[in-house]
């Protein structure tokens, strides 16, 4: 019986891995305070922004963002129904929406002034200490998701990518964005990084996390 359950669990993780990016659901409240404060200062605390939390898990990122942007409309999307159910059960805010992560649903409340993909465009801990991850999590999968997200960023809007296996600056989309450096003290970058070929990069190779879409 136990062997059968383990087999089913492995099969579930394998199927999830093929259709998702990050397969872990770990999250917590206000994990990225320096990044959130930086964007609050840039776009204004009281602005009526449209915000996307891509890979929102059980909602803590959306609830955190509400404390920084009280007048924003916040959309959290996730691939896992159980995560969305838990997020919805905790939500009392009419301007926070939790939806299944599909192109149609991402479009529903967009385009977005702020888009966050935090600790989601990666495969962790599956890529830990590997010299090459091209078969585990290929760059093409990462770039394909970037292409989808970038379609919903308004000119002048910010795309924030943190704890990703690859660098946005290595993507074909990087030329359309200006780079902003955010000093980090509490936000912890732990995911190992790789180049376009999947080869391991030195520690702290990713200097930029916030990207502003150029207006022309």
C-alpha atoms as a PDB file:
ATOM      1  CA  UNK A   1       0.000   0.000   0.000  1.00  0.00           C
ATOM      2  CA  UNK A   2       2.770   2.463   0.985  1.00  0.00           C
ATOM      3  CA  UNK A   3       4.709   1.576  -2.163  1.00  0.00           C
ATOM      4  CA  UNK A   4       1.606   2.275  -4.254  1.00  0.00           C
ATOM      5  CA  UNK A   5       1.089   5.665  -2.560  1.00  0.00           C
ATOM      6  CA  UNK A   6       4.731   6.656  -3.128  1.00  0.00           C
ATOM      7  CA  UNK A   7       4.444   5.642  -6.770  1.00  0.00           C
ATOM      8  CA  UNK A   8       1.347   7.800  -7.188  1.00  0.00           C
ATOM      9  CA  UNK A   9       3.097  10.732  -5.459  1.00  0.00           C
ATOM     10  CA  UNK A  10       6.117  10.445  -7.765  1.00  0.00           C
ATOM     11  CA  UNK A  11       3.820  10.314 -10.787  1.00  0.00           C
ATOM     12  CA  UNK A  12       1.993  13.459  -9.579  1.00  0.00           C
ATOM     13  CA  UNK A  13       5.271  15.375  -9.116  1.00  0.00           C
ATOM     14  CA  UNK A  14       6.456  14.216 -12.543  1.00  0.00           C
ATOM     15  CA  UNK A  15       3.255  15.402 -14.239  1.00  0.00           C
ATOM     16  CA  UNK A  16       3.319  18.678 -12.326  1.00  0.00           C
ATOM     17  CA  UNK A  17       6.948  19.243 -13.280  1.00  0.00           C
ATOM     18  CA  UNK A  18       6.160  18.965 -16.971  1.00  0.00           C
ATOM     19  CA  UNK A  19       3.377  21.555 -16.864  1.00  0.00           C
ATOM     20  CA  UNK A  20       4.692  23.995 -14.266  1.00  0.00           C
ATOM     21  CA  UNK A  21       7.841  25.892 -13.357  1.00  0.00           C
ATOM     22  CA  UNK A  22       8.365  25.797  -9.595  1.00  0.00           C
ATOM     23  CA  UNK A  23       6.876  22.676  -8.013  1.00  0.00           C
ATOM     24  CA  UNK A  24       7.194  23.789  -4.376  1.00  0.00           C
ATOM     25  CA  UNK A  25       4.395  25.817  -2.747  1.00  0.00           C
ATOM     26  CA  UNK A  26       6.363  27.374   0.103  1.00  0.00           C
ATOM     27  CA  UNK A  27       5.449  31.009   0.799  1.00  0.00           C
ATOM     28  CA  UNK A  28       5.192  33.532   3.633  1.00  0.00           C
ATOM     29  CA  UNK A  29       3.979  37.055   4.320  1.00  0.00           C
ATOM     30  CA  UNK A  30       6.121  40.010   3.157  1.00  0.00           C
ATOM     31  CA  UNK A  31       9.057  37.939   1.877  1.00  0.00           C
ATOM     32  CA  UNK A  32      10.468  40.740  -0.325  1.00  0.00           C
ATOM     33  CA  UNK A  33      10.203  44.004   1.639  1.00  0.00           C
ATOM     34  CA  UNK A  34      13.015  45.918  -0.108  1.00  0.00           C
ATOM     35  CA  UNK A  35      11.573  45.178  -3.542  1.00  0.00           C
ATOM     36  CA  UNK A  36       8.036  46.077  -2.495  1.00  0.00           C
ATOM     37  CA  UNK A  37       9.207  49.323  -0.853  1.00  0.00           C
ATOM     38  CA  UNK A  38      11.225  50.263  -3.931  1.00  0.00           C
ATOM     39  CA  UNK A  39       8.201  49.904  -6.189  1.00  0.00           C
ATOM     40  CA  UNK A  40       5.946  51.657  -3.697  1.00  0.00           C
ATOM     41  CA  UNK A  41       8.303  54.658  -3.754  1.00  0.00           C
ATOM     42  CA  UNK A  42       8.482  54.616  -7.557  1.00  0.00           C
ATOM     43  CA  UNK A  43       4.775  54.202  -8.355  1.00  0.00           C
ATOM     44  CA  UNK A  44       3.129  55.718  -5.278  1.00  0.00           C
ATOM     45  CA  UNK A  45       1.473  54.111  -2.295  1.00  0.00           C
ATOM     46  CA  UNK A  46      -1.998  55.414  -3.118  1.00  0.00           C
ATOM     47  CA  UNK A  47      -1.997  54.864  -6.881  1.00  0.00           C
ATOM     48  CA  UNK A  48      -4.814  52.782  -8.358  1.00  0.00           C
ATOM     49  CA  UNK A  49      -2.455  50.249  -9.890  1.00  0.00           C
ATOM     50  CA  UNK A  50      -3.210  46.921 -11.510  1.00  0.00           C
ATOM     51  CA  UNK A  51      -0.947  44.257 -10.042  1.00  0.00           C
ATOM     52  CA  UNK A  52      -0.330  40.650 -11.077  1.00  0.00           C
ATOM     53  CA  UNK A  53       1.126  38.068  -8.709  1.00  0.00           C
ATOM     54  CA  UNK A  54       2.150  35.197 -10.975  1.00  0.00           C
ATOM     55  CA  UNK A  55       2.412  31.940  -9.036  1.00  0.00           C
ATOM     56  CA  UNK A  56       0.595  33.394  -6.028  1.00  0.00           C
ATOM     57  CA  UNK A  57       0.503  30.079  -4.121  1.00  0.00           C
ATOM     58  CA  UNK A  58      -1.825  30.450  -1.110  1.00  0.00           C
ATOM     59  CA  UNK A  59      -2.118  34.223  -1.382  1.00  0.00           C
ATOM     60  CA  UNK A  60       0.427  35.628   1.056  1.00  0.00           C
ATOM     61  CA  UNK A  61       2.141  37.701  -1.644  1.00  0.00           C
ATOM     62  CA  UNK A  62      -1.147  39.317  -2.655  1.00  0.00           C
ATOM     63  CA  UNK A  63      -2.012  40.109   0.952  1.00  0.00           C
ATOM     64  CA  UNK A  64       1.486  41.533   1.450  1.00  0.00           C
ATOM     65  CA  UNK A  65       1.134  43.747  -1.622  1.00  0.00           C
ATOM     66  CA  UNK A  66      -2.115  45.142  -0.266  1.00  0.00           C
ATOM     67  CA  UNK A  67      -0.197  46.688   2.663  1.00  0.00           C
ATOM     68  CA  UNK A  68       2.081  48.527   0.213  1.00  0.00           C
ATOM     69  CA  UNK A  69      -0.609  49.448  -2.350  1.00  0.00           C
ATOM     70  CA  UNK A  70      -3.949  49.972  -0.560  1.00  0.00           C
ATOM     71  CA  UNK A  71      -5.798  51.177  -3.674  1.00  0.00           C
ATOM     72  CA  UNK A  72      -4.509  48.607  -6.147  1.00  0.00           C
ATOM     73  CA  UNK A  73      -6.471  45.917  -7.921  1.00  0.00           C
ATOM     74  CA  UNK A  74      -4.478  42.740  -7.289  1.00  0.00           C
ATOM     75  CA  UNK A  75      -4.766  39.516  -9.275  1.00  0.00           C
ATOM     76  CA  UNK A  76      -3.109  36.327  -8.086  1.00  0.00           C
ATOM     77  CA  UNK A  77      -2.830  33.382 -10.449  1.00  0.00           C
ATOM     78  CA  UNK A  78      -1.622  29.876  -9.719  1.00  0.00           C
ATOM     79  CA  UNK A  79      -1.678  26.506 -11.428  1.00  0.00           C
ATOM     80  CA  UNK A  80      -2.750  24.517  -8.363  1.00  0.00           C
ATOM     81  CA  UNK A  81      -6.474  24.457  -7.432  1.00  0.00           C
ATOM     82  CA  UNK A  82      -5.690  23.638  -3.779  1.00  0.00           C
ATOM     83  CA  UNK A  83      -3.555  26.783  -3.480  1.00  0.00           C
ATOM     84  CA  UNK A  84      -6.285  28.934  -4.990  1.00  0.00           C
ATOM     85  CA  UNK A  85      -8.927  27.413  -2.731  1.00  0.00           C
ATOM     86  CA  UNK A  86      -6.871  28.207   0.360  1.00  0.00           C
ATOM     87  CA  UNK A  87      -6.099  31.729  -0.868  1.00  0.00           C
ATOM     88  CA  UNK A  88      -9.774  32.414  -1.554  1.00  0.00           C
ATOM     89  CA  UNK A  89     -10.776  31.091   1.873  1.00  0.00           C
ATOM     90  CA  UNK A  90      -8.557  33.733   3.530  1.00  0.00           C
ATOM     91  CA  UNK A  91      -9.556  36.610   1.262  1.00  0.00           C
ATOM     92  CA  UNK A  92     -11.912  39.337   2.463  1.00  0.00           C
ATOM     93  CA  UNK A  93     -10.793  41.974  -0.045  1.00  0.00           C
ATOM     94  CA  UNK A  94     -13.100  42.610  -3.021  1.00  0.00           C
ATOM     95  CA  UNK A  95     -10.176  43.989  -5.040  1.00  0.00           C
ATOM     96  CA  UNK A  96      -7.999  40.910  -4.692  1.00  0.00           C
ATOM     97  CA  UNK A  97      -8.836  38.121  -7.133  1.00  0.00           C
ATOM     98  CA  UNK A  98      -7.470  34.580  -7.236  1.00  0.00           C
ATOM     99  CA  UNK A  99      -7.663  32.759 -10.562  1.00  0.00           C
ATOM    100  CA  UNK A 100      -6.352  29.689 -12.317  1.00  0.00           C
ATOM    101  CA  UNK A 101      -3.164  30.562 -14.188  1.00  0.00           C
ATOM    102  CA  UNK A 102      -4.272  30.673 -17.831  1.00  0.00           C
ATOM    103  CA  UNK A 103      -3.640  33.211 -20.577  1.00  0.00           C
ATOM    104  CA  UNK A 104      -7.332  34.158 -20.530  1.00  0.00           C
ATOM    105  CA  UNK A 105      -7.387  34.743 -16.779  1.00  0.00           C
ATOM    106  CA  UNK A 106      -4.128  36.687 -16.798  1.00  0.00           C
ATOM    107  CA  UNK A 107      -5.656  38.942 -19.455  1.00  0.00           C
ATOM    108  CA  UNK A 108      -8.871  39.409 -17.485  1.00  0.00           C
ATOM    109  CA  UNK A 109      -7.689  42.175 -15.146  1.00  0.00           C
ATOM    110  CA  UNK A 110      -4.698  43.368 -17.174  1.00  0.00           C
ATOM    111  CA  UNK A 111      -2.662  44.893 -18.559  1.00  0.00           C
ATOM    112  CA  UNK A 112      -0.637  45.398 -15.396  1.00  0.00           C
ATOM    113  CA  UNK A 113       1.371  48.237 -13.929  1.00  0.00           C
ATOM    114  CA  UNK A 114       3.270  45.820 -11.697  1.00  0.00           C
ATOM    115  CA  UNK A 115       3.893  42.148 -12.409  1.00  0.00           C
ATOM    116  CA  UNK A 116       5.628  39.875  -9.911  1.00  0.00           C
ATOM    117  CA  UNK A 117       7.133  36.444 -10.613  1.00  0.00           C
ATOM    118  CA  UNK A 118       8.827  35.729  -7.302  1.00  0.00           C
ATOM    119  CA  UNK A 119      10.512  32.374  -6.634  1.00  0.00           C
ATOM    120  CA  UNK A 120       8.396  30.833  -9.388  1.00  0.00           C
ATOM    121  CA  UNK A 121      10.381  30.880 -12.677  1.00  0.00           C
ATOM    122  CA  UNK A 122      12.667  28.160 -11.420  1.00  0.00           C
ATOM    123  CA  UNK A 123      12.783  24.483 -10.532  1.00  0.00           C
ATOM    124  CA  UNK A 124      13.827  24.317  -6.903  1.00  0.00           C
ATOM    125  CA  UNK A 125      15.251  22.320  -5.227  1.00  0.00           C
ATOM    126  CA  UNK A 126      15.502  20.177  -8.360  1.00  0.00           C
ATOM    127  CA  UNK A 127      18.234  22.390  -9.865  1.00  0.00           C
ATOM    128  CA  UNK A 128      20.293  22.690  -6.684  1.00  0.00           C
ATOM    129  CA  UNK A 129      24.039  22.101  -7.252  1.00  0.00           C
ATOM    130  CA  UNK A 130      23.596  20.810 -10.822  1.00  0.00           C
ATOM    131  CA  UNK A 131      26.333  21.880 -13.277  1.00  0.00           C
ATOM    132  CA  UNK A 132      23.769  21.944 -16.094  1.00  0.00           C
ATOM    133  CA  UNK A 133      19.953  22.053 -15.917  1.00  0.00           C
ATOM    134  CA  UNK A 134      19.015  22.187 -19.592  1.00  0.00           C
ATOM    135  CA  UNK A 135      17.084  18.911 -19.303  1.00  0.00           C
ATOM    136  CA  UNK A 136      15.567  19.620 -15.891  1.00  0.00           C
ATOM    137  CA  UNK A 137      14.388  23.156 -16.661  1.00  0.00           C
ATOM    138  CA  UNK A 138      15.325  24.414 -20.136  1.00  0.00           C
ATOM    139  CA  UNK A 139      15.862  28.095 -20.889  1.00  0.00           C
ATOM    140  CA  UNK A 140      13.225  27.873 -23.640  1.00  0.00           C
ATOM    141  CA  UNK A 141      10.531  27.096 -21.049  1.00  0.00           C
ATOM    142  CA  UNK A 142      11.587  30.109 -18.987  1.00  0.00           C
ATOM    143  CA  UNK A 143      11.660  32.420 -22.023  1.00  0.00           C
ATOM    144  CA  UNK A 144       8.292  31.192 -23.247  1.00  0.00           C
ATOM    145  CA  UNK A 145       6.730  32.172 -19.928  1.00  0.00           C
ATOM    146  CA  UNK A 146       8.472  35.557 -20.046  1.00  0.00           C
ATOM    147  CA  UNK A 147       6.941  36.162 -23.451  1.00  0.00           C
ATOM    148  CA  UNK A 148       3.484  35.546 -22.018  1.00  0.00           C
ATOM    149  CA  UNK A 149       4.014  37.768 -18.995  1.00  0.00           C
ATOM    150  CA  UNK A 150       5.536  40.610 -21.007  1.00  0.00           C
ATOM    151  CA  UNK A 151       2.441  40.832 -23.201  1.00  0.00           C
ATOM    152  CA  UNK A 152       0.549  42.094 -20.157  1.00  0.00           C
ATOM    153  CA  UNK A 153       2.997  44.726 -18.877  1.00  0.00           C
ATOM    154  CA  UNK A 154       1.973  48.318 -19.647  1.00  0.00           C
ATOM    155  CA  UNK A 155       4.588  50.726 -21.074  1.00  0.00           C
ATOM    156  CA  UNK A 156       6.315  52.206 -18.067  1.00  0.00           C
ATOM    157  CA  UNK A 157       5.201  49.289 -15.926  1.00  0.00           C
ATOM    158  CA  UNK A 158       7.492  47.050 -13.888  1.00  0.00           C
ATOM    159  CA  UNK A 159       8.177  43.351 -14.316  1.00  0.00           C
ATOM    160  CA  UNK A 160       9.853  41.947 -11.216  1.00  0.00           C
ATOM    161  CA  UNK A 161      11.528  38.528 -11.328  1.00  0.00           C
ATOM    162  CA  UNK A 162      13.239  37.221  -8.230  1.00  0.00           C
ATOM    163  CA  UNK A 163      14.771  33.846  -7.391  1.00  0.00           C
ATOM    164  CA  UNK A 164      14.716  32.561 -10.960  1.00  0.00           C
ATOM    165  CA  UNK A 165      17.048  29.957 -12.442  1.00  0.00           C
ATOM    166  CA  UNK A 166      17.771  32.183 -15.448  1.00  0.00           C
ATOM    167  CA  UNK A 167      18.463  35.866 -15.964  1.00  0.00           C
ATOM    168  CA  UNK A 168      15.936  38.110 -17.675  1.00  0.00           C
ATOM    169  CA  UNK A 169      18.873  40.003 -19.176  1.00  0.00           C
ATOM    170  CA  UNK A 170      19.765  36.864 -21.184  1.00  0.00           C
ATOM    171  CA  UNK A 171      16.328  36.723 -22.797  1.00  0.00           C
ATOM    172  CA  UNK A 172      15.277  38.085 -26.185  1.00  0.00           C
ATOM    173  CA  UNK A 173      12.847  40.419 -24.371  1.00  0.00           C
ATOM    174  CA  UNK A 174      15.423  42.273 -22.286  1.00  0.00           C
ATOM    175  CA  UNK A 175      16.024  45.028 -24.866  1.00  0.00           C
ATOM    176  CA  UNK A 176      12.528  46.369 -24.315  1.00  0.00           C
ATOM    177  CA  UNK A 177      13.168  47.005 -20.617  1.00  0.00           C
ATOM    178  CA  UNK A 178      15.306  49.318 -18.502  1.00  0.00           C
ATOM    179  CA  UNK A 179      17.124  47.779 -15.529  1.00  0.00           C
ATOM    180  CA  UNK A 180      16.666  48.925 -11.942  1.00  0.00           C
ATOM    181  CA  UNK A 181      18.924  47.771  -9.140  1.00  0.00           C
ATOM    182  CA  UNK A 182      17.394  47.195  -5.711  1.00  0.00           C
ATOM    183  CA  UNK A 183      19.744  46.732  -2.714  1.00  0.00           C
ATOM    184  CA  UNK A 184      18.730  43.662  -0.718  1.00  0.00           C
ATOM    185  CA  UNK A 185      19.066  43.028   3.001  1.00  0.00           C
ATOM    186  CA  UNK A 186      16.138  40.814   4.001  1.00  0.00           C
ATOM    187  CA  UNK A 187      14.948  39.402   0.677  1.00  0.00           C
ATOM    188  CA  UNK A 188      16.958  36.217   0.256  1.00  0.00           C
ATOM    189  CA  UNK A 189      18.094  35.032  -3.169  1.00  0.00           C
ATOM    190  CA  UNK A 190      18.802  31.317  -2.837  1.00  0.00           C
ATOM    191  CA  UNK A 191      17.960  29.753  -6.217  1.00  0.00           C
ATOM    192  CA  UNK A 192      21.007  28.761  -8.265  1.00  0.00           C
ATOM    193  CA  UNK A 193      21.386  30.519 -11.607  1.00  0.00           C
ATOM    194  CA  UNK A 194      22.346  29.303 -15.067  1.00  0.00           C
ATOM    195  CA  UNK A 195      23.121  30.722 -18.508  1.00  0.00           C
ATOM    196  CA  UNK A 196      21.027  30.213 -21.642  1.00  0.00           C
ATOM    197  CA  UNK A 197      22.654  26.813 -22.193  1.00  0.00           C
ATOM    198  CA  UNK A 198      21.757  25.681 -18.697  1.00  0.00           C
ATOM    199  CA  UNK A 199      25.341  25.916 -17.391  1.00  0.00           C
ATOM    200  CA  UNK A 200      25.806  26.981 -13.766  1.00  0.00           C
ATOM    201  CA  UNK A 201      26.752  30.614 -13.149  1.00  0.00           C
ATOM    202  CA  UNK A 202      28.777  31.962 -10.199  1.00  0.00           C
ATOM    203  CA  UNK A 203      26.919  32.924  -7.025  1.00  0.00           C
ATOM    204  CA  UNK A 204      25.090  36.272  -7.145  1.00  0.00           C
ATOM    205  CA  UNK A 205      25.348  36.435 -10.942  1.00  0.00           C
ATOM    206  CA  UNK A 206      21.925  38.053 -11.195  1.00  0.00           C
ATOM    207  CA  UNK A 207      22.234  41.742 -10.319  1.00  0.00           C
ATOM    208  CA  UNK A 208      18.827  43.002 -11.461  1.00  0.00           C
ATOM    209  CA  UNK A 209      15.324  41.966 -10.451  1.00  0.00           C
ATOM    210  CA  UNK A 210      13.173  44.926 -11.500  1.00  0.00           C
ATOM    211  CA  UNK A 211      12.666  45.690 -15.193  1.00  0.00           C
ATOM    212  CA  UNK A 212      10.756  48.733 -16.475  1.00  0.00           C
ATOM    213  CA  UNK A 213       9.088  48.406 -19.852  1.00  0.00           C
ATOM    214  CA  UNK A 214      10.317  51.107 -22.179  1.00  0.00           C
ATOM    215  CA  UNK A 215       7.698  53.511 -23.512  1.00  0.00           C
ATOM    216  CA  UNK A 216       9.257  53.715 -26.979  1.00  0.00           C
END
